[in-house]
Structures are given as C-alpha cells and as structure tokens.
Amino acid sequence: MIAQLSGKLAVKLPNTVIIDVGGVGYEVTVPLSTFYELGDVSSDVSLKIHTHVREDSLQLFGFQTNREKELFLRLTSVSGIGPKLAITMLSGMPAVELIPAIRNNDIVRLTAIPGVGRKTAERVIVELRDKLAAVSFDDAEDGAASQAFATEADVKEDTVGALMALGYPKPQAERAVSAAIREEGERTIEAVLKRSLKRLSR
C-alpha cells in the first residue's frame, strides 16, 4: 500500500493533482483543504496517502496533514459514506470546523454540504461523535501557498468546475463564483473558491 508520496507537483487542479515521483505520475484525489495548501506546479510536494483498492480500480487519496487523513478514514467507516463523499465533506468544511460540527450534533451545518442529507448527517454524528474525541489537533497548519498566474476566465472556469464536482448545480456555482470574483481580495482559484463556498454555505 502507498502511504506517502513525495515528488514534484506536475498538475494542480481542484480535487485532483498529479505528483511526479522519479518520472512516474501518480494521480491523487485531494480535498480542497489540501489543494489550498499546495504550492505552484513544479514545486516539491509531500502528501499522506490512503490507497483505496476495489476489484475494478485503485485510487489514491492525498492529504496535507495526518489529521485530515484520519478524519477521512473515520468518515469512510460510516455506513453509506464512500471515499468520494468523504472528500466532498472535507472540501465543504475544513477539519477544524467539521469535527466540532459532528461533536456538537450540528445537523444544519453538515447538511449544508452537497450530498449530505439529514439521515447521512445523523449517522455521522451517531457513529463518530465519541470517536472523534481522539482525533489529534497537533498538526501544524501552513498558510495557503500562492499559485501560478491565471487569467480571470481561467480562475472562473476552474472554480465553477470544482464547485460542480462538489455537487453544486452549475447555475448556482456560476452565480457564487461571479459574486466572489467581484469581491475585494485575491483572484487565485484558492481565494475565489473560499469566498464562493462561504457564500454557498450562508
């Protein structure tokens, strides 16, 4: 099993990166919380990896911190939550907010994440509320890294695509991104994604 990958960042897209390790490119699915922390393409990168093996496929899921990886594994242990929905949950709400939401029975916040209905939120709370008391909060969080220059059109297209991958309808995603771009602040994908998600969670 692959537990960690270290190499050069060959491709960087919301929710998907490719890491070049000695000339071999590994495609890794990542939550937005990890995406925000990655450097530019060609920079060095090291991710904690979970290898998900099925009869017909082998998928790699990558995380910046052990805390994210552990929470991902906890989420996938809940009945009805697969790796894709777990990544969506970590993308829709950072671990430092998701863990308290589960501990505090905050169904409203959990069901604001696309794909998480009331029954799923209730299962997560029942099965994980007590177990999450042991999840570590010791991982150091680095500030978000800058990204390579991109035009506003590129940023808008990639951000809308990322929101659609999280389950938001295209018209809703486009409205949120357009409003986020008009706001003051950076025009990077990371910054616009954060502002868009903030608007969508209201």
N, C-alpha and C. Protein backbone atom coordinates (compact mmCIF):
# COMPACT_ATOMS: atom_id res chain seq x y z
N MET A 1 0.84 -1.20 0.00
CA MET A 1 0.00 0.00 0.00
C MET A 1 0.88 1.26 0.00
N ILE A 2 0.47 2.26 -0.77
CA ILE A 2 1.18 3.53 -0.77
C ILE A 2 0.66 4.36 0.40
N ALA A 3 1.57 4.79 1.28
CA ALA A 3 1.17 5.56 2.46
C ALA A 3 1.60 7.02 2.37
N GLN A 4 2.57 7.31 1.48
CA GLN A 4 3.04 8.69 1.32
C GLN A 4 3.68 8.83 -0.05
N LEU A 5 3.51 10.01 -0.65
CA LEU A 5 4.16 10.32 -1.92
C LEU A 5 4.88 11.65 -1.79
N SER A 6 6.13 11.65 -2.24
CA SER A 6 6.92 12.89 -2.25
C SER A 6 7.54 13.04 -3.63
N GLY A 7 7.37 14.23 -4.22
CA GLY A 7 7.93 14.45 -5.54
C GLY A 7 7.64 15.86 -6.01
N LYS A 8 7.51 16.03 -7.32
CA LYS A 8 7.21 17.33 -7.92
C LYS A 8 5.73 17.39 -8.29
N LEU A 9 5.13 18.55 -8.06
CA LEU A 9 3.73 18.75 -8.42
C LEU A 9 3.64 18.99 -9.92
N ALA A 10 3.12 18.01 -10.66
CA ALA A 10 3.07 18.10 -12.12
C ALA A 10 1.80 18.77 -12.61
N VAL A 11 0.69 18.48 -11.94
CA VAL A 11 -0.61 19.05 -12.29
C VAL A 11 -1.32 19.42 -11.00
N LYS A 12 -1.96 20.59 -11.00
CA LYS A 12 -2.68 21.03 -9.81
C LYS A 12 -4.06 21.53 -10.22
N LEU A 13 -5.08 20.76 -9.89
CA LEU A 13 -6.46 21.13 -10.14
C LEU A 13 -7.27 20.94 -8.85
N PRO A 14 -8.36 21.67 -8.69
CA PRO A 14 -9.18 21.44 -7.50
C PRO A 14 -9.62 19.97 -7.44
N ASN A 15 -9.31 19.34 -6.33
CA ASN A 15 -9.67 17.95 -6.05
C ASN A 15 -8.79 16.90 -6.74
N THR A 16 -7.92 17.30 -7.68
CA THR A 16 -7.05 16.31 -8.32
C THR A 16 -5.66 16.91 -8.57
N VAL A 17 -4.63 16.16 -8.19
CA VAL A 17 -3.26 16.56 -8.50
C VAL A 17 -2.52 15.36 -9.08
N ILE A 18 -1.44 15.66 -9.80
CA ILE A 18 -0.55 14.59 -10.26
C ILE A 18 0.83 14.88 -9.70
N ILE A 19 1.38 13.89 -9.01
CA ILE A 19 2.70 14.02 -8.40
C ILE A 19 3.70 13.19 -9.19
N ASP A 20 4.75 13.85 -9.67
CA ASP A 20 5.81 13.17 -10.42
C ASP A 20 6.84 12.64 -9.42
N VAL A 21 6.91 11.32 -9.32
CA VAL A 21 7.88 10.67 -8.43
C VAL A 21 8.84 9.87 -9.30
N GLY A 22 10.03 10.42 -9.54
CA GLY A 22 11.02 9.71 -10.35
C GLY A 22 10.57 9.41 -11.76
N GLY A 23 9.78 10.34 -12.35
CA GLY A 23 9.33 10.14 -13.73
C GLY A 23 8.00 9.42 -13.84
N VAL A 24 7.43 8.98 -12.73
CA VAL A 24 6.12 8.32 -12.74
C VAL A 24 5.09 9.28 -12.15
N GLY A 25 4.01 9.53 -12.89
CA GLY A 25 2.99 10.45 -12.41
C GLY A 25 1.88 9.73 -11.68
N TYR A 26 1.65 10.08 -10.44
CA TYR A 26 0.58 9.49 -9.64
C TYR A 26 -0.58 10.48 -9.53
N GLU A 27 -1.76 10.06 -9.99
CA GLU A 27 -2.95 10.91 -9.86
C GLU A 27 -3.54 10.70 -8.48
N VAL A 28 -3.74 11.81 -7.77
CA VAL A 28 -4.21 11.75 -6.39
C VAL A 28 -5.42 12.66 -6.22
N THR A 29 -6.47 12.13 -5.64
CA THR A 29 -7.65 12.94 -5.31
C THR A 29 -7.42 13.59 -3.96
N VAL A 30 -7.64 14.91 -3.88
CA VAL A 30 -7.38 15.64 -2.64
C VAL A 30 -8.60 16.48 -2.27
N PRO A 31 -8.83 16.74 -0.99
CA PRO A 31 -9.87 17.69 -0.60
C PRO A 31 -9.39 19.11 -0.85
N LEU A 32 -10.32 20.05 -0.93
CA LEU A 32 -9.94 21.45 -1.19
C LEU A 32 -9.03 21.99 -0.10
N SER A 33 -9.19 21.51 1.14
CA SER A 33 -8.33 21.99 2.23
C SER A 33 -6.86 21.70 1.94
N THR A 34 -6.58 20.56 1.32
CA THR A 34 -5.21 20.23 0.92
C THR A 34 -4.81 21.02 -0.32
N PHE A 35 -5.70 21.14 -1.28
CA PHE A 35 -5.44 21.91 -2.51
C PHE A 35 -4.98 23.32 -2.18
N TYR A 36 -5.66 23.97 -1.21
CA TYR A 36 -5.31 25.33 -0.85
C TYR A 36 -3.86 25.45 -0.36
N GLU A 37 -3.34 24.39 0.24
CA GLU A 37 -2.02 24.45 0.87
C GLU A 37 -0.88 24.11 -0.07
N LEU A 38 -1.18 23.59 -1.25
CA LEU A 38 -0.13 23.18 -2.18
C LEU A 38 0.52 24.38 -2.85
N GLY A 39 1.78 24.20 -3.23
CA GLY A 39 2.49 25.26 -3.93
C GLY A 39 2.17 25.26 -5.41
N ASP A 40 2.99 25.94 -6.17
CA ASP A 40 2.80 26.03 -7.62
C ASP A 40 3.21 24.72 -8.29
N VAL A 41 2.77 24.55 -9.54
CA VAL A 41 3.23 23.43 -10.36
C VAL A 41 4.75 23.46 -10.43
N SER A 42 5.38 22.31 -10.34
CA SER A 42 6.84 22.09 -10.34
C SER A 42 7.47 22.24 -8.95
N SER A 43 6.67 22.64 -7.96
CA SER A 43 7.21 22.74 -6.60
C SER A 43 7.24 21.36 -5.95
N ASP A 44 8.03 21.23 -4.89
CA ASP A 44 8.10 19.97 -4.15
C ASP A 44 6.81 19.77 -3.36
N VAL A 45 6.37 18.53 -3.28
CA VAL A 45 5.14 18.23 -2.56
C VAL A 45 5.29 16.89 -1.86
N SER A 46 4.68 16.77 -0.70
CA SER A 46 4.66 15.50 0.03
C SER A 46 3.28 15.35 0.66
N LEU A 47 2.58 14.28 0.32
CA LEU A 47 1.23 14.07 0.83
C LEU A 47 1.11 12.72 1.53
N LYS A 48 0.30 12.71 2.60
CA LYS A 48 -0.09 11.45 3.23
C LYS A 48 -1.12 10.79 2.31
N ILE A 49 -0.97 9.51 2.07
CA ILE A 49 -1.80 8.84 1.07
C ILE A 49 -2.63 7.71 1.69
N HIS A 50 -3.87 7.63 1.25
CA HIS A 50 -4.69 6.44 1.51
C HIS A 50 -4.92 5.76 0.17
N THR A 51 -4.58 4.47 0.08
CA THR A 51 -4.77 3.70 -1.14
C THR A 51 -6.09 2.94 -1.03
N HIS A 52 -7.01 3.27 -1.90
CA HIS A 52 -8.34 2.64 -1.88
C HIS A 52 -8.39 1.62 -3.01
N VAL A 53 -8.51 0.35 -2.65
CA VAL A 53 -8.49 -0.73 -3.63
C VAL A 53 -9.88 -1.34 -3.79
N ARG A 54 -10.33 -1.41 -5.04
CA ARG A 54 -11.57 -2.11 -5.37
C ARG A 54 -11.26 -3.13 -6.45
N GLU A 55 -12.22 -3.98 -6.76
CA GLU A 55 -11.99 -5.02 -7.77
C GLU A 55 -11.62 -4.42 -9.12
N ASP A 56 -12.24 -3.28 -9.44
CA ASP A 56 -12.05 -2.71 -10.78
C ASP A 56 -11.19 -1.46 -10.81
N SER A 57 -10.66 -1.03 -9.66
CA SER A 57 -9.87 0.20 -9.67
C SER A 57 -8.99 0.32 -8.44
N LEU A 58 -7.99 1.20 -8.55
CA LEU A 58 -7.12 1.54 -7.43
C LEU A 58 -7.02 3.06 -7.41
N GLN A 59 -7.46 3.67 -6.34
CA GLN A 59 -7.46 5.14 -6.24
C GLN A 59 -6.58 5.60 -5.10
N LEU A 60 -5.92 6.74 -5.31
CA LEU A 60 -5.09 7.34 -4.28
C LEU A 60 -5.76 8.62 -3.79
N PHE A 61 -5.83 8.76 -2.48
CA PHE A 61 -6.39 9.96 -1.86
C PHE A 61 -5.29 10.59 -1.01
N GLY A 62 -5.05 11.89 -1.22
CA GLY A 62 -3.92 12.54 -0.56
C GLY A 62 -4.35 13.64 0.39
N PHE A 63 -3.52 13.83 1.44
CA PHE A 63 -3.85 14.80 2.49
C PHE A 63 -2.59 15.51 2.96
N GLN A 64 -2.74 16.78 3.28
CA GLN A 64 -1.62 17.57 3.74
C GLN A 64 -1.22 17.19 5.16
N THR A 65 -2.19 16.81 5.98
CA THR A 65 -1.92 16.52 7.39
C THR A 65 -2.44 15.15 7.79
N ASN A 66 -1.88 14.61 8.86
CA ASN A 66 -2.36 13.34 9.40
C ASN A 66 -3.79 13.48 9.90
N ARG A 67 -4.13 14.67 10.42
CA ARG A 67 -5.48 14.89 10.94
C ARG A 67 -6.51 14.74 9.83
N GLU A 68 -6.24 15.33 8.65
CA GLU A 68 -7.16 15.19 7.52
C GLU A 68 -7.32 13.74 7.11
N LYS A 69 -6.20 13.04 7.03
CA LYS A 69 -6.26 11.63 6.62
C LYS A 69 -7.05 10.81 7.64
N GLU A 70 -6.82 11.04 8.91
CA GLU A 70 -7.53 10.28 9.93
C GLU A 70 -9.02 10.56 9.89
N LEU A 71 -9.39 11.83 9.70
CA LEU A 71 -10.81 12.17 9.63
C LEU A 71 -11.45 11.54 8.40
N PHE A 72 -10.72 11.54 7.27
CA PHE A 72 -11.20 10.87 6.05
C PHE A 72 -11.50 9.39 6.33
N LEU A 73 -10.58 8.71 7.00
CA LEU A 73 -10.77 7.29 7.30
C LEU A 73 -11.94 7.09 8.26
N ARG A 74 -12.10 7.99 9.20
CA ARG A 74 -13.24 7.90 10.13
C ARG A 74 -14.56 8.05 9.35
N LEU A 75 -14.59 9.01 8.44
CA LEU A 75 -15.81 9.25 7.67
C LEU A 75 -16.17 8.04 6.81
N THR A 76 -15.16 7.45 6.17
CA THR A 76 -15.44 6.31 5.29
C THR A 76 -15.82 5.05 6.08
N SER A 77 -15.63 5.08 7.39
CA SER A 77 -16.06 3.94 8.22
C SER A 77 -17.55 3.99 8.51
N VAL A 78 -18.17 5.14 8.23
CA VAL A 78 -19.61 5.29 8.46
C VAL A 78 -20.39 4.65 7.33
N SER A 79 -21.41 3.90 7.67
CA SER A 79 -22.24 3.22 6.67
C SER A 79 -22.80 4.21 5.67
N GLY A 80 -22.61 3.94 4.38
CA GLY A 80 -23.16 4.79 3.33
C GLY A 80 -22.25 5.91 2.87
N ILE A 81 -21.07 6.07 3.51
CA ILE A 81 -20.13 7.11 3.09
C ILE A 81 -18.91 6.48 2.44
N GLY A 82 -18.76 6.72 1.14
CA GLY A 82 -17.59 6.22 0.43
C GLY A 82 -16.52 7.29 0.35
N PRO A 83 -15.40 6.98 -0.28
CA PRO A 83 -14.30 7.95 -0.38
C PRO A 83 -14.69 9.26 -1.05
N LYS A 84 -15.51 9.20 -2.09
CA LYS A 84 -15.89 10.42 -2.82
C LYS A 84 -16.67 11.37 -1.92
N LEU A 85 -17.65 10.85 -1.17
CA LEU A 85 -18.44 11.70 -0.29
C LEU A 85 -17.59 12.22 0.87
N ALA A 86 -16.66 11.40 1.35
CA ALA A 86 -15.77 11.84 2.43
C ALA A 86 -14.90 13.01 1.97
N ILE A 87 -14.39 12.94 0.74
CA ILE A 87 -13.61 14.05 0.18
C ILE A 87 -14.48 15.29 0.03
N THR A 88 -15.72 15.09 -0.41
CA THR A 88 -16.66 16.21 -0.55
C THR A 88 -16.91 16.88 0.79
N MET A 89 -17.05 16.08 1.84
CA MET A 89 -17.29 16.63 3.18
C MET A 89 -16.07 17.43 3.66
N LEU A 90 -14.87 16.91 3.43
CA LEU A 90 -13.66 17.62 3.83
C LEU A 90 -13.44 18.87 2.98
N SER A 91 -13.97 18.86 1.75
CA SER A 91 -13.86 20.04 0.88
C SER A 91 -14.89 21.09 1.26
N GLY A 92 -16.05 20.63 1.69
CA GLY A 92 -17.12 21.55 2.03
C GLY A 92 -16.92 22.23 3.37
N MET A 93 -16.11 21.62 4.24
CA MET A 93 -15.88 22.18 5.57
C MET A 93 -14.52 21.71 6.07
N PRO A 94 -13.61 22.61 6.44
CA PRO A 94 -12.29 22.17 6.91
C PRO A 94 -12.41 21.34 8.18
N ALA A 95 -11.40 20.51 8.41
CA ALA A 95 -11.43 19.59 9.55
C ALA A 95 -11.67 20.30 10.88
N VAL A 96 -11.08 21.50 11.03
CA VAL A 96 -11.21 22.22 12.30
C VAL A 96 -12.64 22.68 12.54
N GLU A 97 -13.48 22.72 11.49
CA GLU A 97 -14.89 23.05 11.66
C GLU A 97 -15.77 21.80 11.62
N LEU A 98 -15.36 20.82 10.80
CA LEU A 98 -16.15 19.60 10.64
C LEU A 98 -16.19 18.79 11.93
N ILE A 99 -15.05 18.66 12.60
CA ILE A 99 -15.01 17.87 13.83
C ILE A 99 -15.93 18.46 14.90
N PRO A 100 -15.87 19.78 15.20
CA PRO A 100 -16.81 20.34 16.18
C PRO A 100 -18.27 20.21 15.75
N ALA A 101 -18.54 20.31 14.43
CA ALA A 101 -19.92 20.18 13.95
C ALA A 101 -20.47 18.79 14.28
N ILE A 102 -19.62 17.77 14.12
CA ILE A 102 -20.04 16.40 14.43
C ILE A 102 -20.19 16.23 15.94
N ARG A 103 -19.23 16.73 16.69
CA ARG A 103 -19.27 16.59 18.15
C ARG A 103 -20.48 17.30 18.76
N ASN A 104 -20.87 18.42 18.14
CA ASN A 104 -21.94 19.25 18.70
C ASN A 104 -23.31 18.97 18.08
N ASN A 105 -23.42 17.88 17.34
CA ASN A 105 -24.71 17.49 16.73
C ASN A 105 -25.27 18.57 15.81
N ASP A 106 -24.39 19.25 15.07
CA ASP A 106 -24.82 20.37 14.23
C ASP A 106 -25.28 19.86 12.86
N ILE A 107 -26.50 19.35 12.82
CA ILE A 107 -27.04 18.77 11.59
C ILE A 107 -27.20 19.83 10.51
N VAL A 108 -27.56 21.04 10.90
CA VAL A 108 -27.76 22.12 9.92
C VAL A 108 -26.47 22.38 9.13
N ARG A 109 -25.33 22.45 9.83
CA ARG A 109 -24.06 22.71 9.14
C ARG A 109 -23.66 21.52 8.27
N LEU A 110 -23.88 20.32 8.76
CA LEU A 110 -23.49 19.13 8.00
C LEU A 110 -24.32 18.98 6.74
N THR A 111 -25.62 19.24 6.83
CA THR A 111 -26.49 19.08 5.65
C THR A 111 -26.32 20.22 4.65
N ALA A 112 -25.57 21.26 5.01
CA ALA A 112 -25.26 22.33 4.05
C ALA A 112 -24.23 21.87 3.03
N ILE A 113 -23.53 20.76 3.32
CA ILE A 113 -22.55 20.21 2.38
C ILE A 113 -23.30 19.43 1.31
N PRO A 114 -23.04 19.68 0.02
CA PRO A 114 -23.73 18.95 -1.06
C PRO A 114 -23.56 17.44 -0.91
N GLY A 115 -24.67 16.72 -1.06
CA GLY A 115 -24.61 15.26 -0.98
C GLY A 115 -24.83 14.70 0.41
N VAL A 116 -24.87 15.57 1.41
CA VAL A 116 -25.08 15.11 2.78
C VAL A 116 -26.52 15.43 3.19
N GLY A 117 -27.35 14.40 3.23
CA GLY A 117 -28.73 14.58 3.67
C GLY A 117 -28.84 14.43 5.17
N ARG A 118 -30.05 14.61 5.68
CA ARG A 118 -30.26 14.55 7.13
C ARG A 118 -29.90 13.17 7.70
N LYS A 119 -30.31 12.11 7.00
CA LYS A 119 -30.04 10.76 7.52
C LYS A 119 -28.54 10.49 7.55
N THR A 120 -27.82 10.93 6.51
CA THR A 120 -26.37 10.74 6.49
C THR A 120 -25.71 11.52 7.62
N ALA A 121 -26.15 12.77 7.81
CA ALA A 121 -25.60 13.60 8.89
C ALA A 121 -25.85 12.95 10.26
N GLU A 122 -27.04 12.41 10.44
CA GLU A 122 -27.37 11.76 11.72
C GLU A 122 -26.50 10.52 11.94
N ARG A 123 -26.25 9.75 10.88
CA ARG A 123 -25.39 8.56 11.01
C ARG A 123 -23.97 8.96 11.39
N VAL A 124 -23.47 10.02 10.73
CA VAL A 124 -22.11 10.50 11.03
C VAL A 124 -22.01 10.89 12.49
N ILE A 125 -22.99 11.63 12.99
CA ILE A 125 -22.97 12.09 14.38
C ILE A 125 -23.02 10.90 15.34
N VAL A 126 -23.93 9.99 15.09
CA VAL A 126 -24.09 8.84 15.99
C VAL A 126 -22.84 7.97 16.03
N GLU A 127 -22.24 7.73 14.86
CA GLU A 127 -21.11 6.80 14.78
C GLU A 127 -19.77 7.44 15.12
N LEU A 128 -19.64 8.77 14.94
CA LEU A 128 -18.32 9.40 15.10
C LEU A 128 -18.20 10.36 16.27
N ARG A 129 -19.31 10.80 16.82
CA ARG A 129 -19.26 11.85 17.85
C ARG A 129 -18.26 11.53 18.95
N ASP A 130 -18.33 10.33 19.50
CA ASP A 130 -17.43 9.95 20.60
C ASP A 130 -16.04 9.58 20.11
N LYS A 131 -15.97 8.96 18.93
CA LYS A 131 -14.67 8.54 18.40
C LYS A 131 -13.77 9.72 18.06
N LEU A 132 -14.36 10.85 17.67
CA LEU A 132 -13.55 11.99 17.25
C LEU A 132 -12.87 12.70 18.42
N ALA A 133 -13.20 12.31 19.63
CA ALA A 133 -12.52 12.90 20.78
C ALA A 133 -11.03 12.57 20.75
N ALA A 134 -10.68 11.48 20.04
CA ALA A 134 -9.28 11.05 20.00
C ALA A 134 -8.51 11.62 18.82
N VAL A 135 -9.19 12.34 17.90
CA VAL A 135 -8.51 12.88 16.73
C VAL A 135 -7.58 14.00 17.14
N SER A 136 -6.34 13.92 16.66
CA SER A 136 -5.32 14.90 17.05
C SER A 136 -5.53 16.24 16.38
N PHE A 137 -5.22 17.31 17.15
CA PHE A 137 -5.26 18.65 16.60
C PHE A 137 -3.85 19.23 16.59
N ASP A 138 -2.83 18.36 16.62
CA ASP A 138 -1.45 18.83 16.77
C ASP A 138 -0.76 19.18 15.46
N ASP A 139 -1.38 18.81 14.33
CA ASP A 139 -0.73 19.07 13.04
C ASP A 139 -0.55 20.56 12.83
N ALA A 140 0.64 20.96 12.40
CA ALA A 140 0.88 22.38 12.09
C ALA A 140 0.21 22.71 10.78
N GLU A 141 -0.46 23.84 10.75
CA GLU A 141 -1.15 24.27 9.53
C GLU A 141 -0.33 25.38 8.87
N ASP A 142 0.11 25.13 7.67
CA ASP A 142 0.85 26.15 6.94
C ASP A 142 -0.13 27.09 6.25
N GLY A 143 0.32 28.30 5.99
CA GLY A 143 -0.52 29.24 5.27
C GLY A 143 -0.68 28.79 3.83
N ALA A 144 -1.76 29.23 3.20
CA ALA A 144 -2.02 28.84 1.82
C ALA A 144 -0.92 29.36 0.91
N ALA A 145 -0.46 28.51 0.02
CA ALA A 145 0.62 28.90 -0.89
C ALA A 145 0.03 29.64 -2.08
N SER A 146 0.88 30.42 -2.71
CA SER A 146 0.43 31.14 -3.89
C SER A 146 0.39 30.20 -5.08
N GLN A 147 -0.37 30.58 -6.12
CA GLN A 147 -0.41 29.75 -7.31
C GLN A 147 0.09 30.53 -8.51
N ALA A 148 0.37 29.80 -9.57
CA ALA A 148 0.88 30.44 -10.78
C ALA A 148 -0.18 31.37 -11.36
N PHE A 149 0.28 32.34 -12.15
CA PHE A 149 -0.63 33.31 -12.74
C PHE A 149 -1.68 32.62 -13.60
N ALA A 150 -2.92 33.05 -13.45
CA ALA A 150 -4.00 32.55 -14.29
C ALA A 150 -4.93 33.71 -14.60
N THR A 151 -5.53 33.69 -15.80
CA THR A 151 -6.45 34.76 -16.16
C THR A 151 -7.72 34.62 -15.34
N GLU A 152 -8.49 35.70 -15.28
CA GLU A 152 -9.75 35.67 -14.54
C GLU A 152 -10.70 34.62 -15.13
N ALA A 153 -10.70 34.49 -16.46
CA ALA A 153 -11.56 33.49 -17.11
C ALA A 153 -11.17 32.07 -16.68
N ASP A 154 -9.85 31.82 -16.60
CA ASP A 154 -9.37 30.51 -16.17
C ASP A 154 -9.80 30.22 -14.74
N VAL A 155 -9.64 31.23 -13.88
CA VAL A 155 -10.00 31.08 -12.48
C VAL A 155 -11.49 30.78 -12.35
N LYS A 156 -12.30 31.53 -13.08
CA LYS A 156 -13.75 31.33 -13.02
C LYS A 156 -14.14 29.93 -13.49
N GLU A 157 -13.58 29.51 -14.62
CA GLU A 157 -13.91 28.19 -15.18
C GLU A 157 -13.50 27.07 -14.23
N ASP A 158 -12.28 27.15 -13.70
CA ASP A 158 -11.79 26.09 -12.80
C ASP A 158 -12.56 26.06 -11.49
N THR A 159 -12.93 27.25 -10.99
CA THR A 159 -13.65 27.31 -9.73
C THR A 159 -15.07 26.78 -9.88
N VAL A 160 -15.73 27.14 -10.97
CA VAL A 160 -17.07 26.60 -11.23
C VAL A 160 -17.00 25.08 -11.36
N GLY A 161 -15.97 24.58 -12.06
CA GLY A 161 -15.80 23.13 -12.20
C GLY A 161 -15.61 22.44 -10.86
N ALA A 162 -14.84 23.08 -9.98
CA ALA A 162 -14.61 22.50 -8.65
C ALA A 162 -15.89 22.45 -7.85
N LEU A 163 -16.70 23.50 -7.91
CA LEU A 163 -17.97 23.52 -7.17
C LEU A 163 -18.94 22.49 -7.72
N MET A 164 -18.96 22.32 -9.04
CA MET A 164 -19.83 21.31 -9.65
C MET A 164 -19.39 19.90 -9.23
N ALA A 165 -18.07 19.70 -9.11
CA ALA A 165 -17.57 18.40 -8.65
C ALA A 165 -17.99 18.12 -7.21
N LEU A 166 -18.21 19.19 -6.44
CA LEU A 166 -18.67 19.03 -5.06
C LEU A 166 -20.17 18.82 -4.98
N GLY A 167 -20.87 18.95 -6.11
CA GLY A 167 -22.30 18.69 -6.11
C GLY A 167 -23.20 19.89 -6.28
N TYR A 168 -22.62 21.09 -6.44
CA TYR A 168 -23.44 22.28 -6.63
C TYR A 168 -23.89 22.37 -8.09
N PRO A 169 -25.15 22.73 -8.34
CA PRO A 169 -25.61 22.90 -9.73
C PRO A 169 -24.82 24.01 -10.42
N LYS A 170 -24.64 23.88 -11.74
CA LYS A 170 -23.82 24.84 -12.48
C LYS A 170 -24.32 26.28 -12.34
N PRO A 171 -25.64 26.56 -12.48
CA PRO A 171 -26.08 27.96 -12.35
C PRO A 171 -25.76 28.54 -10.97
N GLN A 172 -25.96 27.74 -9.93
CA GLN A 172 -25.67 28.21 -8.57
C GLN A 172 -24.18 28.45 -8.39
N ALA A 173 -23.37 27.54 -8.94
CA ALA A 173 -21.91 27.69 -8.84
C ALA A 173 -21.45 28.93 -9.59
N GLU A 174 -21.99 29.16 -10.77
CA GLU A 174 -21.59 30.33 -11.57
C GLU A 174 -21.95 31.63 -10.87
N ARG A 175 -23.13 31.69 -10.25
CA ARG A 175 -23.53 32.91 -9.54
C ARG A 175 -22.60 33.18 -8.36
N ALA A 176 -22.28 32.12 -7.61
CA ALA A 176 -21.42 32.28 -6.44
C ALA A 176 -20.02 32.73 -6.85
N VAL A 177 -19.49 32.14 -7.91
CA VAL A 177 -18.14 32.48 -8.36
C VAL A 177 -18.09 33.90 -8.90
N SER A 178 -19.09 34.28 -9.68
CA SER A 178 -19.12 35.65 -10.22
C SER A 178 -19.14 36.67 -9.09
N ALA A 179 -19.95 36.40 -8.07
CA ALA A 179 -20.03 37.32 -6.92
C ALA A 179 -18.71 37.34 -6.16
N ALA A 180 -18.07 36.16 -6.02
CA ALA A 180 -16.81 36.07 -5.28
C ALA A 180 -15.69 36.82 -6.01
N ILE A 181 -15.70 36.76 -7.33
CA ILE A 181 -14.67 37.45 -8.11
C ILE A 181 -14.83 38.97 -7.98
N ARG A 182 -16.08 39.42 -7.85
CA ARG A 182 -16.32 40.87 -7.72
C ARG A 182 -15.89 41.41 -6.35
N GLU A 183 -15.79 40.52 -5.37
CA GLU A 183 -15.40 40.96 -4.03
C GLU A 183 -13.92 41.37 -4.02
N GLU A 184 -13.58 42.17 -3.03
CA GLU A 184 -12.17 42.52 -2.85
C GLU A 184 -11.40 41.29 -2.40
N GLY A 185 -10.16 41.20 -2.84
CA GLY A 185 -9.33 40.07 -2.44
C GLY A 185 -8.61 39.47 -3.63
N GLU A 186 -7.82 38.44 -3.36
CA GLU A 186 -7.04 37.79 -4.41
C GLU A 186 -7.94 37.12 -5.43
N ARG A 187 -7.43 36.99 -6.65
CA ARG A 187 -8.19 36.35 -7.73
C ARG A 187 -7.63 34.97 -8.06
N THR A 188 -6.96 34.35 -7.10
CA THR A 188 -6.47 32.98 -7.32
C THR A 188 -7.64 32.00 -7.16
N ILE A 189 -7.48 30.80 -7.70
CA ILE A 189 -8.53 29.79 -7.56
C ILE A 189 -8.80 29.52 -6.09
N GLU A 190 -7.72 29.42 -5.29
CA GLU A 190 -7.89 29.12 -3.87
C GLU A 190 -8.75 30.17 -3.19
N ALA A 191 -8.43 31.45 -3.42
CA ALA A 191 -9.14 32.54 -2.76
C ALA A 191 -10.59 32.62 -3.23
N VAL A 192 -10.81 32.49 -4.53
CA VAL A 192 -12.17 32.58 -5.07
C VAL A 192 -13.01 31.38 -4.60
N LEU A 193 -12.40 30.21 -4.53
CA LEU A 193 -13.11 29.03 -4.01
C LEU A 193 -13.57 29.25 -2.58
N LYS A 194 -12.68 29.77 -1.76
CA LYS A 194 -13.03 30.01 -0.36
C LYS A 194 -14.19 30.98 -0.25
N ARG A 195 -14.14 32.08 -1.01
CA ARG A 195 -15.22 33.07 -0.95
C ARG A 195 -16.52 32.50 -1.50
N SER A 196 -16.42 31.70 -2.56
CA SER A 196 -17.62 31.09 -3.16
C SER A 196 -18.29 30.13 -2.17
N LEU A 197 -17.48 29.28 -1.54
CA LEU A 197 -18.02 28.31 -0.58
C LEU A 197 -18.64 29.02 0.62
N LYS A 198 -18.04 30.13 1.01
CA LYS A 198 -18.59 30.91 2.12
C LYS A 198 -19.98 31.43 1.76
N ARG A 199 -20.13 31.91 0.52
CA ARG A 199 -21.43 32.39 0.09
C ARG A 199 -22.45 31.25 0.01
N LEU A 200 -22.03 30.11 -0.50
CA LEU A 200 -22.94 28.98 -0.68
C LEU A 200 -23.38 28.38 0.65
N SER A 201 -22.57 28.55 1.69
CA SER A 201 -22.91 27.96 3.00
C SER A 201 -23.82 28.87 3.83
N ARG A 202 -24.10 30.08 3.32
CA ARG A 202 -24.96 31.00 4.08
C ARG A 202 -26.40 30.52 4.09
